[in-house]
Amino acid sequence: ESTDRDGAEVLYRQAADLGSAHALDRLAVMRENAGDRDGAEALSRE
């Protein structure tokens, strides 16, 4: 996450596809920190 944000997002999405709610939460926080409130909310709903 600290060195390769895009790579971290891909890994979190793979974890989410395996059922990890924590990965979705992490992705939502990353989107929120990037200023993408709508994306963060969509991931939070997921």
ModelCIF file with pLDDT and N, C-alpha, C, O atoms, coordinates in Angstrom:
data_MODEL
#
_entry.id   MODEL 
#
_entity.id                         1 
_entity.type                       polymer 
_entity.pdbx_number_of_molecules   1 
#
_entity_poly.entity_id                      1 
_entity_poly.type                           'polypeptide(L)' 
_entity_poly.nstd_linkage                   no 
_entity_poly.nstd_monomer                   no 
_entity_poly.pdbx_seq_one_letter_code       ESTDRDGAEVLYRQAADLGSAHALDRLAVMRENAGDRDGAEALSRE 
_entity_poly.pdbx_seq_one_letter_code_can   ESTDRDGAEVLYRQAADLGSAHALDRLAVMRENAGDRDGAEALSRE 
_entity_poly.pdbx_strand_id                 A 
#
loop_
_entity_poly_seq.entity_id 
_entity_poly_seq.num 
_entity_poly_seq.mon_id 
_entity_poly_seq.hetero 
1 1  GLU n 
1 2  SER n 
1 3  THR n 
1 4  ASP n 
1 5  ARG n 
1 6  ASP n 
1 7  GLY n 
1 8  ALA n 
1 9  GLU n 
1 10 VAL n 
1 11 LEU n 
1 12 TYR n 
1 13 ARG n 
1 14 GLN n 
1 15 ALA n 
1 16 ALA n 
1 17 ASP n 
1 18 LEU n 
1 19 GLY n 
1 20 SER n 
1 21 ALA n 
1 22 HIS n 
1 23 ALA n 
1 24 LEU n 
1 25 ASP n 
1 26 ARG n 
1 27 LEU n 
1 28 ALA n 
1 29 VAL n 
1 30 MET n 
1 31 ARG n 
1 32 GLU n 
1 33 ASN n 
1 34 ALA n 
1 35 GLY n 
1 36 ASP n 
1 37 ARG n 
1 38 ASP n 
1 39 GLY n 
1 40 ALA n 
1 41 GLU n 
1 42 ALA n 
1 43 LEU n 
1 44 SER n 
1 45 ARG n 
1 46 GLU n 
#
_struct_asym.id          A 
_struct_asym.entity_id   1 
#
loop_
_ma_qa_metric.id 
_ma_qa_metric.mode 
_ma_qa_metric.name 
_ma_qa_metric.software_group_id 
_ma_qa_metric.type 
1 global pLDDT . pLDDT 
2 local  pLDDT . pLDDT 
#
_ma_qa_metric_global.metric_id      1 
_ma_qa_metric_global.metric_value   87.20 
_ma_qa_metric_global.model_id       1 
_ma_qa_metric_global.ordinal_id     1 
#
loop_
_ma_qa_metric_local.label_asym_id 
_ma_qa_metric_local.label_comp_id 
_ma_qa_metric_local.label_seq_id 
_ma_qa_metric_local.metric_id 
_ma_qa_metric_local.metric_value 
_ma_qa_metric_local.model_id 
_ma_qa_metric_local.ordinal_id 
A GLU 1  2 86.00 1 1  
A SER 2  2 85.00 1 2  
A THR 3  2 87.00 1 3  
A ASP 4  2 89.00 1 4  
A ARG 5  2 90.00 1 5  
A ASP 6  2 92.00 1 6  
A GLY 7  2 89.00 1 7  
A ALA 8  2 91.00 1 8  
A GLU 9  2 91.00 1 9  
A VAL 10 2 91.00 1 10 
A LEU 11 2 89.00 1 11 
A TYR 12 2 91.00 1 12 
A ARG 13 2 90.00 1 13 
A GLN 14 2 88.00 1 14 
A ALA 15 2 88.00 1 15 
A ALA 16 2 87.00 1 16 
A ASP 17 2 86.00 1 17 
A LEU 18 2 84.00 1 18 
A GLY 19 2 81.00 1 19 
A SER 20 2 84.00 1 20 
A ALA 21 2 81.00 1 21 
A HIS 22 2 84.00 1 22 
A ALA 23 2 88.00 1 23 
A LEU 24 2 86.00 1 24 
A ASP 25 2 84.00 1 25 
A ARG 26 2 88.00 1 26 
A LEU 27 2 90.00 1 27 
A ALA 28 2 87.00 1 28 
A VAL 29 2 87.00 1 29 
A MET 30 2 90.00 1 30 
A ARG 31 2 90.00 1 31 
A GLU 32 2 88.00 1 32 
A ASN 33 2 88.00 1 33 
A ALA 34 2 90.00 1 34 
A GLY 35 2 92.00 1 35 
A ASP 36 2 92.00 1 36 
A ARG 37 2 87.00 1 37 
A ASP 38 2 89.00 1 38 
A GLY 39 2 89.00 1 39 
A ALA 40 2 86.00 1 40 
A GLU 41 2 84.00 1 41 
A ALA 42 2 86.00 1 42 
A LEU 43 2 84.00 1 43 
A SER 44 2 81.00 1 44 
A ARG 45 2 80.00 1 45 
A GLU 46 2 81.00 1 46 
#
loop_
_atom_site.group_PDB 
_atom_site.id 
_atom_site.type_symbol 
_atom_site.label_atom_id 
_atom_site.label_alt_id 
_atom_site.label_comp_id 
_atom_site.label_asym_id 
_atom_site.label_entity_id 
_atom_site.label_seq_id 
_atom_site.pdbx_PDB_ins_code 
_atom_site.Cartn_x 
_atom_site.Cartn_y 
_atom_site.Cartn_z 
_atom_site.occupancy 
_atom_site.B_iso_or_equiv 
_atom_site.pdbx_formal_charge 
_atom_site.auth_seq_id 
_atom_site.auth_comp_id 
_atom_site.auth_asym_id 
_atom_site.auth_atom_id 
_atom_site.pdbx_PDB_model_num 
ATOM 1   N N  . GLU A 1 1  ? 0.797   -1.223  0.000  1.00 86.00 ? 1  GLU A N  1 
ATOM 2   C CA . GLU A 1 1  ? 0.000   0.000   0.000  1.00 86.00 ? 1  GLU A CA 1 
ATOM 3   C C  . GLU A 1 1  ? 0.831   1.275   0.000  1.00 86.00 ? 1  GLU A C  1 
ATOM 4   O O  . GLU A 1 1  ? 0.473   2.233   -0.685 1.00 86.00 ? 1  GLU A O  1 
ATOM 5   N N  . SER A 1 2  ? 1.919   1.314   0.741  1.00 85.00 ? 2  SER A N  1 
ATOM 6   C CA . SER A 1 2  ? 2.704   2.548   0.832  1.00 85.00 ? 2  SER A CA 1 
ATOM 7   C C  . SER A 1 2  ? 3.570   2.803   -0.400 1.00 85.00 ? 2  SER A C  1 
ATOM 8   O O  . SER A 1 2  ? 3.971   3.940   -0.647 1.00 85.00 ? 2  SER A O  1 
ATOM 9   N N  . THR A 1 3  ? 3.862   1.753   -1.178 1.00 87.00 ? 3  THR A N  1 
ATOM 10  C CA . THR A 1 3  ? 4.745   1.927   -2.326 1.00 87.00 ? 3  THR A CA 1 
ATOM 11  C C  . THR A 1 3  ? 4.062   1.712   -3.673 1.00 87.00 ? 3  THR A C  1 
ATOM 12  O O  . THR A 1 3  ? 4.535   2.218   -4.691 1.00 87.00 ? 3  THR A O  1 
ATOM 13  N N  . ASP A 1 4  ? 2.963   0.971   -3.694 1.00 89.00 ? 4  ASP A N  1 
ATOM 14  C CA . ASP A 1 4  ? 2.291   0.622   -4.951 1.00 89.00 ? 4  ASP A CA 1 
ATOM 15  C C  . ASP A 1 4  ? 0.787   0.582   -4.715 1.00 89.00 ? 4  ASP A C  1 
ATOM 16  O O  . ASP A 1 4  ? 0.202   -0.490  -4.559 1.00 89.00 ? 4  ASP A O  1 
ATOM 17  N N  . ARG A 1 5  ? 0.171   1.754   -4.690 1.00 90.00 ? 5  ARG A N  1 
ATOM 18  C CA . ARG A 1 5  ? -1.259  1.863   -4.370 1.00 90.00 ? 5  ARG A CA 1 
ATOM 19  C C  . ARG A 1 5  ? -2.118  1.035   -5.329 1.00 90.00 ? 5  ARG A C  1 
ATOM 20  O O  . ARG A 1 5  ? -3.032  0.332   -4.896 1.00 90.00 ? 5  ARG A O  1 
ATOM 21  N N  . ASP A 1 6  ? -1.828  1.118   -6.617 1.00 92.00 ? 6  ASP A N  1 
ATOM 22  C CA . ASP A 1 6  ? -2.621  0.369   -7.595 1.00 92.00 ? 6  ASP A CA 1 
ATOM 23  C C  . ASP A 1 6  ? -2.492  -1.137  -7.375 1.00 92.00 ? 6  ASP A C  1 
ATOM 24  O O  . ASP A 1 6  ? -3.476  -1.873  -7.444 1.00 92.00 ? 6  ASP A O  1 
ATOM 25  N N  . GLY A 1 7  ? -1.266  -1.580  -7.110 1.00 89.00 ? 7  GLY A N  1 
ATOM 26  C CA . GLY A 1 7  ? -1.049  -2.999  -6.835 1.00 89.00 ? 7  GLY A CA 1 
ATOM 27  C C  . GLY A 1 7  ? -1.769  -3.442  -5.579 1.00 89.00 ? 7  GLY A C  1 
ATOM 28  O O  . GLY A 1 7  ? -2.317  -4.543  -5.530 1.00 89.00 ? 7  GLY A O  1 
ATOM 29  N N  . ALA A 1 8  ? -1.771  -2.586  -4.555 1.00 91.00 ? 8  ALA A N  1 
ATOM 30  C CA . ALA A 1 8  ? -2.479  -2.902  -3.315 1.00 91.00 ? 8  ALA A CA 1 
ATOM 31  C C  . ALA A 1 8  ? -3.974  -3.021  -3.574 1.00 91.00 ? 8  ALA A C  1 
ATOM 32  O O  . ALA A 1 8  ? -4.625  -3.918  -3.041 1.00 91.00 ? 8  ALA A O  1 
ATOM 33  N N  . GLU A 1 9  ? -4.522  -2.125  -4.387 1.00 91.00 ? 9  GLU A N  1 
ATOM 34  C CA . GLU A 1 9  ? -5.953  -2.189  -4.698 1.00 91.00 ? 9  GLU A CA 1 
ATOM 35  C C  . GLU A 1 9  ? -6.312  -3.490  -5.408 1.00 91.00 ? 9  GLU A C  1 
ATOM 36  O O  . GLU A 1 9  ? -7.352  -4.086  -5.130 1.00 91.00 ? 9  GLU A O  1 
ATOM 37  N N  . VAL A 1 10 ? -5.453  -3.928  -6.324 1.00 91.00 ? 10 VAL A N  1 
ATOM 38  C CA . VAL A 1 10 ? -5.705  -5.188  -7.032 1.00 91.00 ? 10 VAL A CA 1 
ATOM 39  C C  . VAL A 1 10 ? -5.735  -6.340  -6.027 1.00 91.00 ? 10 VAL A C  1 
ATOM 40  O O  . VAL A 1 10 ? -6.617  -7.197  -6.092 1.00 91.00 ? 10 VAL A O  1 
ATOM 41  N N  . LEU A 1 11 ? -4.782  -6.363  -5.108 1.00 89.00 ? 11 LEU A N  1 
ATOM 42  C CA . LEU A 1 11 ? -4.727  -7.428  -4.105 1.00 89.00 ? 11 LEU A CA 1 
ATOM 43  C C  . LEU A 1 11 ? -5.935  -7.377  -3.174 1.00 89.00 ? 11 LEU A C  1 
ATOM 44  O O  . LEU A 1 11 ? -6.499  -8.417  -2.833 1.00 89.00 ? 11 LEU A O  1 
ATOM 45  N N  . TYR A 1 12 ? -6.334  -6.177  -2.763 1.00 91.00 ? 12 TYR A N  1 
ATOM 46  C CA . TYR A 1 12 ? -7.512  -6.049  -1.903 1.00 91.00 ? 12 TYR A CA 1 
ATOM 47  C C  . TYR A 1 12 ? -8.768  -6.524  -2.644 1.00 91.00 ? 12 TYR A C  1 
ATOM 48  O O  . TYR A 1 12 ? -9.631  -7.169  -2.049 1.00 91.00 ? 12 TYR A O  1 
ATOM 49  N N  . ARG A 1 13 ? -8.871  -6.211  -3.921 1.00 90.00 ? 13 ARG A N  1 
ATOM 50  C CA . ARG A 1 13 ? -10.030 -6.651  -4.705 1.00 90.00 ? 13 ARG A CA 1 
ATOM 51  C C  . ARG A 1 13 ? -10.043 -8.177  -4.810 1.00 90.00 ? 13 ARG A C  1 
ATOM 52  O O  . ARG A 1 13 ? -11.106 -8.794  -4.731 1.00 90.00 ? 13 ARG A O  1 
ATOM 53  N N  . GLN A 1 14 ? -8.871  -8.786  -4.988 1.00 88.00 ? 14 GLN A N  1 
ATOM 54  C CA . GLN A 1 14 ? -8.797  -10.250 -5.036 1.00 88.00 ? 14 GLN A CA 1 
ATOM 55  C C  . GLN A 1 14 ? -9.243  -10.844 -3.705 1.00 88.00 ? 14 GLN A C  1 
ATOM 56  O O  . GLN A 1 14 ? -9.957  -11.846 -3.679 1.00 88.00 ? 14 GLN A O  1 
ATOM 57  N N  . ALA A 1 15 ? -8.822  -10.228 -2.598 1.00 88.00 ? 15 ALA A N  1 
ATOM 58  C CA . ALA A 1 15 ? -9.239  -10.702 -1.272 1.00 88.00 ? 15 ALA A CA 1 
ATOM 59  C C  . ALA A 1 15 ? -10.747 -10.522 -1.107 1.00 88.00 ? 15 ALA A C  1 
ATOM 60  O O  . ALA A 1 15 ? -11.417 -11.385 -0.539 1.00 88.00 ? 15 ALA A O  1 
ATOM 61  N N  . ALA A 1 16 ? -11.274 -9.421  -1.593 1.00 87.00 ? 16 ALA A N  1 
ATOM 62  C CA . ALA A 1 16 ? -12.718 -9.178  -1.508 1.00 87.00 ? 16 ALA A CA 1 
ATOM 63  C C  . ALA A 1 16 ? -13.480 -10.225 -2.314 1.00 87.00 ? 16 ALA A C  1 
ATOM 64  O O  . ALA A 1 16 ? -14.536 -10.694 -1.890 1.00 87.00 ? 16 ALA A O  1 
ATOM 65  N N  . ASP A 1 17 ? -12.947 -10.586 -3.466 1.00 86.00 ? 17 ASP A N  1 
ATOM 66  C CA . ASP A 1 17 ? -13.597 -11.606 -4.292 1.00 86.00 ? 17 ASP A CA 1 
ATOM 67  C C  . ASP A 1 17 ? -13.632 -12.963 -3.592 1.00 86.00 ? 17 ASP A C  1 
ATOM 68  O O  . ASP A 1 17 ? -14.462 -13.814 -3.914 1.00 86.00 ? 17 ASP A O  1 
ATOM 69  N N  . LEU A 1 18 ? -12.721 -13.159 -2.627 1.00 84.00 ? 18 LEU A N  1 
ATOM 70  C CA . LEU A 1 18 ? -12.718 -14.393 -1.832 1.00 84.00 ? 18 LEU A CA 1 
ATOM 71  C C  . LEU A 1 18 ? -13.561 -14.249 -0.562 1.00 84.00 ? 18 LEU A C  1 
ATOM 72  O O  . LEU A 1 18 ? -13.585 -15.146 0.282  1.00 84.00 ? 18 LEU A O  1 
ATOM 73  N N  . GLY A 1 19 ? -14.262 -13.096 -0.434 1.00 81.00 ? 19 GLY A N  1 
ATOM 74  C CA . GLY A 1 19 ? -15.190 -12.920 0.674  1.00 81.00 ? 19 GLY A CA 1 
ATOM 75  C C  . GLY A 1 19 ? -14.711 -12.067 1.827  1.00 81.00 ? 19 GLY A C  1 
ATOM 76  O O  . GLY A 1 19 ? -15.339 -12.074 2.886  1.00 81.00 ? 19 GLY A O  1 
ATOM 77  N N  . SER A 1 20 ? -13.625 -11.333 1.666  1.00 84.00 ? 20 SER A N  1 
ATOM 78  C CA . SER A 1 20 ? -13.088 -10.529 2.753  1.00 84.00 ? 20 SER A CA 1 
ATOM 79  C C  . SER A 1 20 ? -13.774 -9.164  2.844  1.00 84.00 ? 20 SER A C  1 
ATOM 80  O O  . SER A 1 20 ? -13.573 -8.302  1.989  1.00 84.00 ? 20 SER A O  1 
ATOM 81  N N  . ALA A 1 21 ? -14.587 -8.976  3.891  1.00 81.00 ? 21 ALA A N  1 
ATOM 82  C CA . ALA A 1 21 ? -15.205 -7.672  4.134  1.00 81.00 ? 21 ALA A CA 1 
ATOM 83  C C  . ALA A 1 21 ? -14.140 -6.648  4.524  1.00 81.00 ? 21 ALA A C  1 
ATOM 84  O O  . ALA A 1 21 ? -14.272 -5.463  4.219  1.00 81.00 ? 21 ALA A O  1 
ATOM 85  N N  . HIS A 1 22 ? -13.094 -7.105  5.196  1.00 84.00 ? 22 HIS A N  1 
ATOM 86  C CA . HIS A 1 22 ? -12.002 -6.208  5.583  1.00 84.00 ? 22 HIS A CA 1 
ATOM 87  C C  . HIS A 1 22 ? -11.347 -5.606  4.340  1.00 84.00 ? 22 HIS A C  1 
ATOM 88  O O  . HIS A 1 22 ? -11.000 -4.425  4.342  1.00 84.00 ? 22 HIS A O  1 
ATOM 89  N N  . ALA A 1 23 ? -11.172 -6.397  3.281  1.00 88.00 ? 23 ALA A N  1 
ATOM 90  C CA . ALA A 1 23 ? -10.581 -5.884  2.048  1.00 88.00 ? 23 ALA A CA 1 
ATOM 91  C C  . ALA A 1 23 ? -11.459 -4.797  1.437  1.00 88.00 ? 23 ALA A C  1 
ATOM 92  O O  . ALA A 1 23 ? -10.952 -3.782  0.961  1.00 88.00 ? 23 ALA A O  1 
ATOM 93  N N  . LEU A 1 24 ? -12.765 -5.006  1.447  1.00 86.00 ? 24 LEU A N  1 
ATOM 94  C CA . LEU A 1 24 ? -13.684 -3.991  0.925  1.00 86.00 ? 24 LEU A CA 1 
ATOM 95  C C  . LEU A 1 24 ? -13.614 -2.725  1.755  1.00 86.00 ? 24 LEU A C  1 
ATOM 96  O O  . LEU A 1 24 ? -13.640 -1.618  1.217  1.00 86.00 ? 24 LEU A O  1 
ATOM 97  N N  . ASP A 1 25 ? -13.525 -2.889  3.069  1.00 84.00 ? 25 ASP A N  1 
ATOM 98  C CA . ASP A 1 25 ? -13.400 -1.738  3.955  1.00 84.00 ? 25 ASP A CA 1 
ATOM 99  C C  . ASP A 1 25 ? -12.103 -0.986  3.667  1.00 84.00 ? 25 ASP A C  1 
ATOM 100 O O  . ASP A 1 25 ? -12.097 0.244   3.623  1.00 84.00 ? 25 ASP A O  1 
ATOM 101 N N  . ARG A 1 26 ? -11.016 -1.709  3.473  1.00 88.00 ? 26 ARG A N  1 
ATOM 102 C CA . ARG A 1 26 ? -9.725  -1.091  3.175  1.00 88.00 ? 26 ARG A CA 1 
ATOM 103 C C  . ARG A 1 26 ? -9.783  -0.322  1.857  1.00 88.00 ? 26 ARG A C  1 
ATOM 104 O O  . ARG A 1 26 ? -9.277  0.796   1.755  1.00 88.00 ? 26 ARG A O  1 
ATOM 105 N N  . LEU A 1 27 ? -10.410 -0.937  0.846  1.00 90.00 ? 27 LEU A N  1 
ATOM 106 C CA . LEU A 1 27 ? -10.578 -0.251  -0.433 1.00 90.00 ? 27 LEU A CA 1 
ATOM 107 C C  . LEU A 1 27 ? -11.407 1.019   -0.275 1.00 90.00 ? 27 LEU A C  1 
ATOM 108 O O  . LEU A 1 27 ? -11.100 2.046   -0.879 1.00 90.00 ? 27 LEU A O  1 
ATOM 109 N N  . ALA A 1 28 ? -12.456 0.945   0.538  1.00 87.00 ? 28 ALA A N  1 
ATOM 110 C CA . ALA A 1 28 ? -13.309 2.113   0.767  1.00 87.00 ? 28 ALA A CA 1 
ATOM 111 C C  . ALA A 1 28 ? -12.517 3.238   1.419  1.00 87.00 ? 28 ALA A C  1 
ATOM 112 O O  . ALA A 1 28 ? -12.667 4.400   1.041  1.00 87.00 ? 28 ALA A O  1 
ATOM 113 N N  . VAL A 1 29 ? -11.684 2.908   2.383  1.00 87.00 ? 29 VAL A N  1 
ATOM 114 C CA . VAL A 1 29 ? -10.855 3.921   3.045  1.00 87.00 ? 29 VAL A CA 1 
ATOM 115 C C  . VAL A 1 29 ? -9.881  4.540   2.042  1.00 87.00 ? 29 VAL A C  1 
ATOM 116 O O  . VAL A 1 29 ? -9.678  5.754   2.043  1.00 87.00 ? 29 VAL A O  1 
ATOM 117 N N  . MET A 1 30 ? -9.283  3.715   1.193  1.00 90.00 ? 30 MET A N  1 
ATOM 118 C CA . MET A 1 30 ? -8.363  4.242   0.182  1.00 90.00 ? 30 MET A CA 1 
ATOM 119 C C  . MET A 1 30 ? -9.082  5.199   -0.766 1.00 90.00 ? 30 MET A C  1 
ATOM 120 O O  . MET A 1 30 ? -8.548  6.251   -1.116 1.00 90.00 ? 30 MET A O  1 
ATOM 121 N N  . ARG A 1 31 ? -10.289 4.833   -1.177 1.00 90.00 ? 31 ARG A N  1 
ATOM 122 C CA . ARG A 1 31 ? -11.062 5.711   -2.061 1.00 90.00 ? 31 ARG A CA 1 
ATOM 123 C C  . ARG A 1 31 ? -11.444 7.006   -1.355 1.00 90.00 ? 31 ARG A C  1 
ATOM 124 O O  . ARG A 1 31 ? -11.375 8.088   -1.939 1.00 90.00 ? 31 ARG A O  1 
ATOM 125 N N  . GLU A 1 32 ? -11.849 6.885   -0.093 1.00 88.00 ? 32 GLU A N  1 
ATOM 126 C CA . GLU A 1 32 ? -12.206 8.075   0.676  1.00 88.00 ? 32 GLU A CA 1 
ATOM 127 C C  . GLU A 1 32 ? -11.000 8.997   0.807  1.00 88.00 ? 32 GLU A C  1 
ATOM 128 O O  . GLU A 1 32 ? -11.128 10.210  0.637  1.00 88.00 ? 32 GLU A O  1 
ATOM 129 N N  . ASN A 1 33 ? -9.831  8.438   1.106  1.00 88.00 ? 33 ASN A N  1 
ATOM 130 C CA . ASN A 1 33 ? -8.614  9.239   1.243  1.00 88.00 ? 33 ASN A CA 1 
ATOM 131 C C  . ASN A 1 33 ? -8.215  9.897   -0.071 1.00 88.00 ? 33 ASN A C  1 
ATOM 132 O O  . ASN A 1 33 ? -7.573  10.947  -0.071 1.00 88.00 ? 33 ASN A O  1 
ATOM 133 N N  . ALA A 1 34 ? -8.595  9.283   -1.194 1.00 90.00 ? 34 ALA A N  1 
ATOM 134 C CA . ALA A 1 34 ? -8.290  9.841   -2.513 1.00 90.00 ? 34 ALA A CA 1 
ATOM 135 C C  . ALA A 1 34 ? -9.339  10.865  -2.949 1.00 90.00 ? 34 ALA A C  1 
ATOM 136 O O  . ALA A 1 34 ? -9.237  11.433  -4.036 1.00 90.00 ? 34 ALA A O  1 
ATOM 137 N N  . GLY A 1 35 ? -10.349 11.101  -2.104 1.00 92.00 ? 35 GLY A N  1 
ATOM 138 C CA . GLY A 1 35 ? -11.379 12.082  -2.422 1.00 92.00 ? 35 GLY A CA 1 
ATOM 139 C C  . GLY A 1 35 ? -12.548 11.526  -3.210 1.00 92.00 ? 35 GLY A C  1 
ATOM 140 O O  . GLY A 1 35 ? -13.392 12.289  -3.681 1.00 92.00 ? 35 GLY A O  1 
ATOM 141 N N  . ASP A 1 36 ? -12.615 10.217  -3.362 1.00 92.00 ? 36 ASP A N  1 
ATOM 142 C CA . ASP A 1 36 ? -13.703 9.584   -4.118 1.00 92.00 ? 36 ASP A CA 1 
ATOM 143 C C  . ASP A 1 36 ? -14.777 9.104   -3.145 1.00 92.00 ? 36 ASP A C  1 
ATOM 144 O O  . ASP A 1 36 ? -14.857 7.915   -2.835 1.00 92.00 ? 36 ASP A O  1 
ATOM 145 N N  . ARG A 1 37 ? -15.590 10.024  -2.671 1.00 87.00 ? 37 ARG A N  1 
ATOM 146 C CA . ARG A 1 37 ? -16.618 9.712   -1.673 1.00 87.00 ? 37 ARG A CA 1 
ATOM 147 C C  . ARG A 1 37 ? -17.651 8.719   -2.218 1.00 87.00 ? 37 ARG A C  1 
ATOM 148 O O  . ARG A 1 37 ? -18.075 7.809   -1.505 1.00 87.00 ? 37 ARG A O  1 
ATOM 149 N N  . ASP A 1 38 ? -18.053 8.895   -3.477 1.00 89.00 ? 38 ASP A N  1 
ATOM 150 C CA . ASP A 1 38 ? -19.040 7.980   -4.064 1.00 89.00 ? 38 ASP A CA 1 
ATOM 151 C C  . ASP A 1 38 ? -18.483 6.561   -4.160 1.00 89.00 ? 38 ASP A C  1 
ATOM 152 O O  . ASP A 1 38 ? -19.177 5.592   -3.850 1.00 89.00 ? 38 ASP A O  1 
ATOM 153 N N  . GLY A 1 39 ? -17.234 6.447   -4.587 1.00 89.00 ? 39 GLY A N  1 
ATOM 154 C CA . GLY A 1 39 ? -16.600 5.137   -4.665 1.00 89.00 ? 39 GLY A CA 1 
ATOM 155 C C  . GLY A 1 39 ? -16.460 4.491   -3.295 1.00 89.00 ? 39 GLY A C  1 
ATOM 156 O O  . GLY A 1 39 ? -16.661 3.287   -3.141 1.00 89.00 ? 39 GLY A O  1 
ATOM 157 N N  . ALA A 1 40 ? -16.112 5.308   -2.297 1.00 86.00 ? 40 ALA A N  1 
ATOM 158 C CA . ALA A 1 40 ? -15.990 4.802   -0.928 1.00 86.00 ? 40 ALA A CA 1 
ATOM 159 C C  . ALA A 1 40 ? -17.334 4.300   -0.425 1.00 86.00 ? 40 ALA A C  1 
ATOM 160 O O  . ALA A 1 40 ? -17.410 3.250   0.214  1.00 86.00 ? 40 ALA A O  1 
ATOM 161 N N  . GLU A 1 41 ? -18.384 5.042   -0.711 1.00 84.00 ? 41 GLU A N  1 
ATOM 162 C CA . GLU A 1 41 ? -19.710 4.620   -0.258 1.00 84.00 ? 41 GLU A CA 1 
ATOM 163 C C  . GLU A 1 41 ? -20.161 3.339   -0.957 1.00 84.00 ? 41 GLU A C  1 
ATOM 164 O O  . GLU A 1 41 ? -20.750 2.461   -0.327 1.00 84.00 ? 41 GLU A O  1 
ATOM 165 N N  . ALA A 1 42 ? -19.886 3.232   -2.259 1.00 86.00 ? 42 ALA A N  1 
ATOM 166 C CA . ALA A 1 42 ? -20.269 2.019   -2.987 1.00 86.00 ? 42 ALA A CA 1 
ATOM 167 C C  . ALA A 1 42 ? -19.541 0.797   -2.430 1.00 86.00 ? 42 ALA A C  1 
ATOM 168 O O  . ALA A 1 42 ? -20.147 -0.262  -2.264 1.00 86.00 ? 42 ALA A O  1 
ATOM 169 N N  . LEU A 1 43 ? -18.256 0.935   -2.142 1.00 84.00 ? 43 LEU A N  1 
ATOM 170 C CA . LEU A 1 43 ? -17.495 -0.171  -1.576 1.00 84.00 ? 43 LEU A CA 1 
ATOM 171 C C  . LEU A 1 43 ? -17.966 -0.489  -0.163 1.00 84.00 ? 43 LEU A C  1 
ATOM 172 O O  . LEU A 1 43 ? -17.988 -1.652  0.239  1.00 84.00 ? 43 LEU A O  1 
ATOM 173 N N  . SER A 1 44 ? -18.340 0.534   0.584  1.00 81.00 ? 44 SER A N  1 
ATOM 174 C CA . SER A 1 44 ? -18.840 0.316   1.941  1.00 81.00 ? 44 SER A CA 1 
ATOM 175 C C  . SER A 1 44 ? -20.158 -0.441  1.914  1.00 81.00 ? 44 SER A C  1 
ATOM 176 O O  . SER A 1 44 ? -20.398 -1.303  2.759  1.00 81.00 ? 44 SER A O  1 
ATOM 177 N N  . ARG A 1 45 ? -21.012 -0.126  0.949  1.00 80.00 ? 45 ARG A N  1 
ATOM 178 C CA . ARG A 1 45 ? -22.261 -0.884  0.817  1.00 80.00 ? 45 ARG A CA 1 
ATOM 179 C C  . ARG A 1 45 ? -21.968 -2.350  0.467  1.00 80.00 ? 45 ARG A C  1 
ATOM 180 O O  . ARG A 1 45 ? -22.624 -3.262  0.970  1.00 80.00 ? 45 ARG A O  1 
ATOM 181 N N  . GLU A 1 46 ? -20.987 -2.555  -0.392 1.00 81.00 ? 46 GLU A N  1 
ATOM 182 C CA . GLU A 1 46 ? -20.597 -3.923  -0.737 1.00 81.00 ? 46 GLU A CA 1 
ATOM 183 C C  . GLU A 1 46 ? -20.059 -4.645  0.501  1.00 81.00 ? 46 GLU A C  1 
ATOM 184 O O  . GLU A 1 46 ? -19.677 -5.812  0.418  1.00 81.00 ? 46 GLU A O  1 
#
